[in-house]
Amino acid sequence: MRRARDGYHYQPIPRTVTDDVVEHENNMMAEELSGKITTLKHMSIEIGNEVRYQDKLLRGLDDDADRSSGFLAKTMGRVLRIGKGNHNYYIFYLFLFSIFVFFLLYIVLKFR
């Protein structure tokens, strides 16, 4: 320690009026910072609650989508099973019925 050898001794800085003002400002800023920290804490808690609520909603939607896809898969299986059967006459009957309906509409509209 070079200063100690040269005869340097520690002397505290004398307290002045500005030191009290600075300390008071520091205390006020510390209180303000404490209030902001409390606000941030409450906001983070509310964000956590909102995230948990939305996660619950998304899980419910996911479950609903899984159930719907299962129901749709079963329905498509039934439709394909019906389509593979020997029910070719149903299409023919549907075609004849549609021709009959169009013919009937033609006659009704023509003679009206």
N, C-alpha and C. Protein backbone atom coordinates (compact mmCIF):
# COMPACT_ATOMS: atom_id res chain seq x y z
N MET A 1 0.82 -1.15 0.00
CA MET A 1 0.00 0.00 0.00
C MET A 1 0.89 1.24 0.00
N ARG A 2 0.97 1.82 -1.09
CA ARG A 2 1.85 2.97 -1.29
C ARG A 2 1.40 4.19 -0.50
N ARG A 3 0.13 4.40 -0.43
CA ARG A 3 -0.36 5.59 0.25
C ARG A 3 -0.09 5.53 1.76
N ALA A 4 -0.19 4.34 2.30
CA ALA A 4 0.05 4.21 3.73
C ALA A 4 1.50 4.55 4.08
N ARG A 5 2.41 4.25 3.19
CA ARG A 5 3.82 4.55 3.46
C ARG A 5 4.10 6.05 3.33
N ASP A 6 3.35 6.69 2.46
CA ASP A 6 3.59 8.10 2.22
C ASP A 6 2.92 9.00 3.25
N GLY A 7 2.37 8.42 4.26
CA GLY A 7 1.74 9.23 5.28
C GLY A 7 0.27 9.53 5.00
N TYR A 8 -0.35 8.77 4.14
CA TYR A 8 -1.76 8.98 3.82
C TYR A 8 -2.60 8.27 4.85
N HIS A 9 -3.50 8.98 5.43
CA HIS A 9 -4.41 8.37 6.41
C HIS A 9 -5.84 8.59 5.93
N TYR A 10 -6.70 7.61 6.20
CA TYR A 10 -8.10 7.70 5.79
C TYR A 10 -8.80 8.75 6.62
N GLN A 11 -9.49 9.62 5.91
CA GLN A 11 -10.30 10.62 6.57
C GLN A 11 -11.70 10.56 5.97
N PRO A 12 -12.75 10.29 6.76
CA PRO A 12 -14.10 10.21 6.22
C PRO A 12 -14.53 11.57 5.68
N ILE A 13 -15.37 11.49 4.64
CA ILE A 13 -15.90 12.70 4.05
C ILE A 13 -16.92 13.29 5.00
N PRO A 14 -16.86 14.54 5.26
CA PRO A 14 -17.81 15.15 6.21
C PRO A 14 -19.23 15.14 5.63
N ARG A 15 -20.18 14.90 6.49
CA ARG A 15 -21.59 14.85 6.08
C ARG A 15 -22.08 16.28 5.90
N THR A 16 -22.85 16.43 4.82
CA THR A 16 -23.41 17.74 4.55
C THR A 16 -24.91 17.60 4.38
N VAL A 17 -25.55 18.69 4.09
CA VAL A 17 -27.00 18.70 3.89
C VAL A 17 -27.34 17.91 2.63
N THR A 18 -26.51 17.94 1.61
CA THR A 18 -26.80 17.23 0.37
C THR A 18 -26.77 15.72 0.58
N ASP A 19 -25.97 15.25 1.53
CA ASP A 19 -25.96 13.81 1.82
C ASP A 19 -27.31 13.35 2.34
N ASP A 20 -27.91 14.15 3.20
CA ASP A 20 -29.23 13.79 3.73
C ASP A 20 -30.28 13.80 2.60
N VAL A 21 -30.17 14.76 1.70
CA VAL A 21 -31.11 14.84 0.58
C VAL A 21 -30.94 13.64 -0.34
N VAL A 22 -29.70 13.27 -0.61
CA VAL A 22 -29.44 12.11 -1.47
C VAL A 22 -29.95 10.84 -0.81
N GLU A 23 -29.73 10.71 0.50
CA GLU A 23 -30.21 9.52 1.21
C GLU A 23 -31.74 9.46 1.18
N HIS A 24 -32.38 10.62 1.36
CA HIS A 24 -33.85 10.66 1.31
C HIS A 24 -34.34 10.27 -0.09
N GLU A 25 -33.69 10.78 -1.14
CA GLU A 25 -34.06 10.41 -2.51
C GLU A 25 -33.86 8.92 -2.76
N ASN A 26 -32.76 8.37 -2.23
CA ASN A 26 -32.51 6.93 -2.38
C ASN A 26 -33.60 6.12 -1.69
N ASN A 27 -34.03 6.55 -0.53
CA ASN A 27 -35.11 5.83 0.18
C ASN A 27 -36.42 5.91 -0.61
N MET A 28 -36.72 7.09 -1.17
CA MET A 28 -37.93 7.22 -1.96
C MET A 28 -37.87 6.34 -3.21
N MET A 29 -36.72 6.32 -3.85
CA MET A 29 -36.57 5.48 -5.05
C MET A 29 -36.65 4.00 -4.70
N ALA A 30 -36.14 3.62 -3.52
CA ALA A 30 -36.22 2.24 -3.07
C ALA A 30 -37.68 1.85 -2.82
N GLU A 31 -38.46 2.74 -2.23
CA GLU A 31 -39.88 2.46 -2.00
C GLU A 31 -40.63 2.35 -3.33
N GLU A 32 -40.29 3.24 -4.26
CA GLU A 32 -40.93 3.19 -5.58
C GLU A 32 -40.59 1.89 -6.29
N LEU A 33 -39.34 1.48 -6.20
CA LEU A 33 -38.92 0.22 -6.81
C LEU A 33 -39.61 -0.96 -6.16
N SER A 34 -39.80 -0.89 -4.85
CA SER A 34 -40.51 -1.96 -4.13
C SER A 34 -41.95 -2.06 -4.63
N GLY A 35 -42.59 -0.92 -4.85
CA GLY A 35 -43.96 -0.93 -5.38
C GLY A 35 -44.03 -1.53 -6.78
N LYS A 36 -43.05 -1.19 -7.61
CA LYS A 36 -43.02 -1.75 -8.96
C LYS A 36 -42.78 -3.25 -8.94
N ILE A 37 -41.94 -3.70 -8.03
CA ILE A 37 -41.67 -5.14 -7.90
C ILE A 37 -42.93 -5.87 -7.45
N THR A 38 -43.67 -5.28 -6.53
CA THR A 38 -44.93 -5.88 -6.07
C THR A 38 -45.93 -5.97 -7.23
N THR A 39 -46.00 -4.89 -8.03
CA THR A 39 -46.90 -4.90 -9.19
C THR A 39 -46.50 -5.98 -10.17
N LEU A 40 -45.21 -6.11 -10.44
CA LEU A 40 -44.73 -7.15 -11.35
C LEU A 40 -45.03 -8.54 -10.82
N LYS A 41 -44.93 -8.71 -9.52
CA LYS A 41 -45.24 -10.01 -8.91
C LYS A 41 -46.71 -10.37 -9.14
N HIS A 42 -47.60 -9.40 -8.89
CA HIS A 42 -49.02 -9.66 -9.09
C HIS A 42 -49.33 -9.92 -10.57
N MET A 43 -48.68 -9.18 -11.45
CA MET A 43 -48.90 -9.39 -12.88
C MET A 43 -48.43 -10.77 -13.30
N SER A 44 -47.28 -11.20 -12.79
CA SER A 44 -46.79 -12.53 -13.17
C SER A 44 -47.69 -13.63 -12.63
N ILE A 45 -48.27 -13.43 -11.47
CA ILE A 45 -49.22 -14.41 -10.92
C ILE A 45 -50.46 -14.47 -11.80
N GLU A 46 -50.98 -13.32 -12.22
CA GLU A 46 -52.15 -13.28 -13.09
C GLU A 46 -51.85 -13.91 -14.45
N ILE A 47 -50.65 -13.67 -14.98
CA ILE A 47 -50.27 -14.28 -16.25
C ILE A 47 -50.22 -15.80 -16.11
N GLY A 48 -49.68 -16.27 -14.98
CA GLY A 48 -49.65 -17.71 -14.73
C GLY A 48 -51.04 -18.31 -14.66
N ASN A 49 -51.96 -17.61 -13.99
CA ASN A 49 -53.35 -18.10 -13.91
C ASN A 49 -53.98 -18.15 -15.30
N GLU A 50 -53.75 -17.12 -16.11
CA GLU A 50 -54.30 -17.08 -17.46
C GLU A 50 -53.73 -18.20 -18.32
N VAL A 51 -52.43 -18.46 -18.17
CA VAL A 51 -51.80 -19.53 -18.95
C VAL A 51 -52.40 -20.88 -18.57
N ARG A 52 -52.59 -21.11 -17.27
CA ARG A 52 -53.20 -22.37 -16.84
C ARG A 52 -54.63 -22.52 -17.36
N TYR A 53 -55.41 -21.42 -17.36
CA TYR A 53 -56.78 -21.46 -17.86
C TYR A 53 -56.81 -21.76 -19.36
N GLN A 54 -55.95 -21.08 -20.12
CA GLN A 54 -55.92 -21.32 -21.56
C GLN A 54 -55.37 -22.70 -21.90
N ASP A 55 -54.45 -23.21 -21.09
CA ASP A 55 -53.95 -24.57 -21.30
C ASP A 55 -55.08 -25.58 -21.10
N LYS A 56 -55.92 -25.32 -20.09
CA LYS A 56 -57.08 -26.20 -19.84
C LYS A 56 -58.04 -26.16 -21.03
N LEU A 57 -58.29 -24.96 -21.57
CA LEU A 57 -59.17 -24.85 -22.74
C LEU A 57 -58.59 -25.58 -23.95
N LEU A 58 -57.29 -25.43 -24.18
CA LEU A 58 -56.66 -26.08 -25.32
C LEU A 58 -56.68 -27.60 -25.18
N ARG A 59 -56.49 -28.08 -23.97
CA ARG A 59 -56.57 -29.54 -23.77
C ARG A 59 -57.98 -30.04 -24.04
N GLY A 60 -58.98 -29.26 -23.63
CA GLY A 60 -60.37 -29.63 -23.92
C GLY A 60 -60.64 -29.65 -25.42
N LEU A 61 -60.12 -28.66 -26.14
CA LEU A 61 -60.29 -28.63 -27.59
C LEU A 61 -59.58 -29.82 -28.24
N ASP A 62 -58.41 -30.16 -27.72
CA ASP A 62 -57.67 -31.30 -28.26
C ASP A 62 -58.45 -32.59 -28.05
N ASP A 63 -59.04 -32.74 -26.86
CA ASP A 63 -59.85 -33.93 -26.60
C ASP A 63 -61.07 -33.99 -27.51
N ASP A 64 -61.71 -32.84 -27.71
CA ASP A 64 -62.87 -32.79 -28.61
C ASP A 64 -62.48 -33.15 -30.04
N ALA A 65 -61.33 -32.65 -30.48
CA ALA A 65 -60.87 -32.96 -31.84
C ALA A 65 -60.55 -34.45 -31.97
N ASP A 66 -59.97 -35.04 -30.94
CA ASP A 66 -59.69 -36.49 -30.99
C ASP A 66 -60.99 -37.29 -31.07
N ARG A 67 -61.98 -36.90 -30.28
CA ARG A 67 -63.26 -37.61 -30.32
C ARG A 67 -63.92 -37.45 -31.68
N SER A 68 -63.86 -36.25 -32.24
CA SER A 68 -64.47 -36.00 -33.55
C SER A 68 -63.78 -36.80 -34.64
N SER A 69 -62.45 -36.87 -34.58
CA SER A 69 -61.73 -37.63 -35.61
C SER A 69 -62.05 -39.11 -35.49
N GLY A 70 -62.21 -39.61 -34.27
CA GLY A 70 -62.61 -41.01 -34.10
C GLY A 70 -63.99 -41.27 -34.65
N PHE A 71 -64.91 -40.36 -34.37
CA PHE A 71 -66.28 -40.50 -34.88
C PHE A 71 -66.29 -40.44 -36.41
N LEU A 72 -65.52 -39.52 -36.98
CA LEU A 72 -65.44 -39.38 -38.43
C LEU A 72 -64.82 -40.62 -39.06
N ALA A 73 -63.80 -41.18 -38.41
CA ALA A 73 -63.17 -42.40 -38.95
C ALA A 73 -64.16 -43.56 -38.96
N LYS A 74 -64.96 -43.69 -37.90
CA LYS A 74 -65.96 -44.75 -37.86
C LYS A 74 -66.99 -44.56 -38.97
N THR A 75 -67.44 -43.32 -39.14
CA THR A 75 -68.44 -43.03 -40.17
C THR A 75 -67.89 -43.32 -41.56
N MET A 76 -66.67 -42.90 -41.82
CA MET A 76 -66.05 -43.16 -43.12
C MET A 76 -65.89 -44.67 -43.36
N GLY A 77 -65.57 -45.40 -42.32
CA GLY A 77 -65.48 -46.85 -42.45
C GLY A 77 -66.81 -47.47 -42.84
N ARG A 78 -67.87 -46.98 -42.22
CA ARG A 78 -69.20 -47.49 -42.56
C ARG A 78 -69.59 -47.14 -43.99
N VAL A 79 -69.28 -45.90 -44.41
CA VAL A 79 -69.60 -45.49 -45.78
C VAL A 79 -68.83 -46.34 -46.78
N LEU A 80 -67.56 -46.57 -46.51
CA LEU A 80 -66.76 -47.38 -47.42
C LEU A 80 -67.26 -48.83 -47.46
N ARG A 81 -67.68 -49.32 -46.30
CA ARG A 81 -68.21 -50.69 -46.27
C ARG A 81 -69.49 -50.79 -47.09
N ILE A 82 -70.35 -49.78 -47.00
CA ILE A 82 -71.58 -49.78 -47.80
C ILE A 82 -71.24 -49.67 -49.28
N GLY A 83 -70.25 -48.83 -49.60
CA GLY A 83 -69.87 -48.65 -51.00
C GLY A 83 -69.26 -49.89 -51.62
N LYS A 84 -68.63 -50.72 -50.82
CA LYS A 84 -68.00 -51.94 -51.35
C LYS A 84 -68.99 -53.08 -51.49
N GLY A 85 -70.14 -52.93 -50.90
CA GLY A 85 -71.13 -54.01 -50.97
C GLY A 85 -71.76 -54.10 -52.35
N ASN A 86 -72.58 -55.11 -52.56
CA ASN A 86 -73.25 -55.33 -53.85
C ASN A 86 -74.57 -54.59 -53.89
N HIS A 87 -74.53 -53.31 -53.68
CA HIS A 87 -75.72 -52.48 -53.70
C HIS A 87 -75.66 -51.54 -54.90
N ASN A 88 -75.30 -52.06 -56.02
CA ASN A 88 -75.16 -51.22 -57.21
C ASN A 88 -76.51 -50.72 -57.71
N TYR A 89 -77.58 -51.38 -57.35
CA TYR A 89 -78.91 -50.98 -57.80
C TYR A 89 -79.35 -49.67 -57.15
N TYR A 90 -78.81 -49.34 -55.97
CA TYR A 90 -79.18 -48.10 -55.31
C TYR A 90 -78.81 -46.89 -56.15
N ILE A 91 -77.67 -46.92 -56.76
CA ILE A 91 -77.24 -45.82 -57.62
C ILE A 91 -78.16 -45.73 -58.84
N PHE A 92 -78.52 -46.86 -59.40
CA PHE A 92 -79.42 -46.88 -60.55
C PHE A 92 -80.79 -46.32 -60.17
N TYR A 93 -81.31 -46.74 -59.01
CA TYR A 93 -82.60 -46.23 -58.55
C TYR A 93 -82.53 -44.72 -58.28
N LEU A 94 -81.43 -44.25 -57.72
CA LEU A 94 -81.26 -42.83 -57.47
C LEU A 94 -81.23 -42.06 -58.79
N PHE A 95 -80.59 -42.60 -59.79
CA PHE A 95 -80.53 -41.97 -61.10
C PHE A 95 -81.93 -41.89 -61.72
N LEU A 96 -82.69 -42.98 -61.65
CA LEU A 96 -84.06 -42.98 -62.19
C LEU A 96 -84.95 -41.99 -61.44
N PHE A 97 -84.81 -41.94 -60.13
CA PHE A 97 -85.59 -41.01 -59.33
C PHE A 97 -85.28 -39.57 -59.71
N SER A 98 -84.00 -39.24 -59.89
CA SER A 98 -83.64 -37.87 -60.26
C SER A 98 -84.18 -37.52 -61.65
N ILE A 99 -84.15 -38.45 -62.60
CA ILE A 99 -84.72 -38.20 -63.92
C ILE A 99 -86.22 -37.95 -63.81
N PHE A 100 -86.91 -38.75 -63.00
CA PHE A 100 -88.35 -38.58 -62.79
C PHE A 100 -88.66 -37.20 -62.19
N VAL A 101 -87.88 -36.77 -61.20
CA VAL A 101 -88.11 -35.48 -60.56
C VAL A 101 -87.88 -34.35 -61.55
N PHE A 102 -86.80 -34.42 -62.34
CA PHE A 102 -86.55 -33.38 -63.34
C PHE A 102 -87.66 -33.35 -64.41
N PHE A 103 -88.12 -34.52 -64.81
CA PHE A 103 -89.20 -34.58 -65.79
C PHE A 103 -90.48 -33.97 -65.21
N LEU A 104 -90.78 -34.30 -63.99
CA LEU A 104 -91.96 -33.76 -63.32
C LEU A 104 -91.86 -32.24 -63.19
N LEU A 105 -90.70 -31.73 -62.82
CA LEU A 105 -90.51 -30.28 -62.73
C LEU A 105 -90.63 -29.61 -64.09
N TYR A 106 -90.17 -30.26 -65.11
CA TYR A 106 -90.25 -29.73 -66.48
C TYR A 106 -91.73 -29.59 -66.90
N ILE A 107 -92.51 -30.62 -66.60
CA ILE A 107 -93.93 -30.58 -66.98
C ILE A 107 -94.66 -29.51 -66.18
N VAL A 108 -94.39 -29.43 -64.89
CA VAL A 108 -95.08 -28.45 -64.05
C VAL A 108 -94.72 -27.03 -64.47
N LEU A 109 -93.48 -26.78 -64.76
CA LEU A 109 -93.06 -25.42 -65.14
C LEU A 109 -93.49 -25.06 -66.56
N LYS A 110 -93.56 -26.03 -67.44
CA LYS A 110 -93.92 -25.75 -68.83
C LYS A 110 -95.40 -25.39 -68.94
N PHE A 111 -96.28 -26.09 -68.21
CA PHE A 111 -97.73 -25.88 -68.33
C PHE A 111 -98.26 -24.95 -67.27
N ARG A 112 -97.49 -24.25 -66.67
CA ARG A 112 -97.94 -23.32 -65.65
C ARG A 112 -98.39 -22.04 -66.19
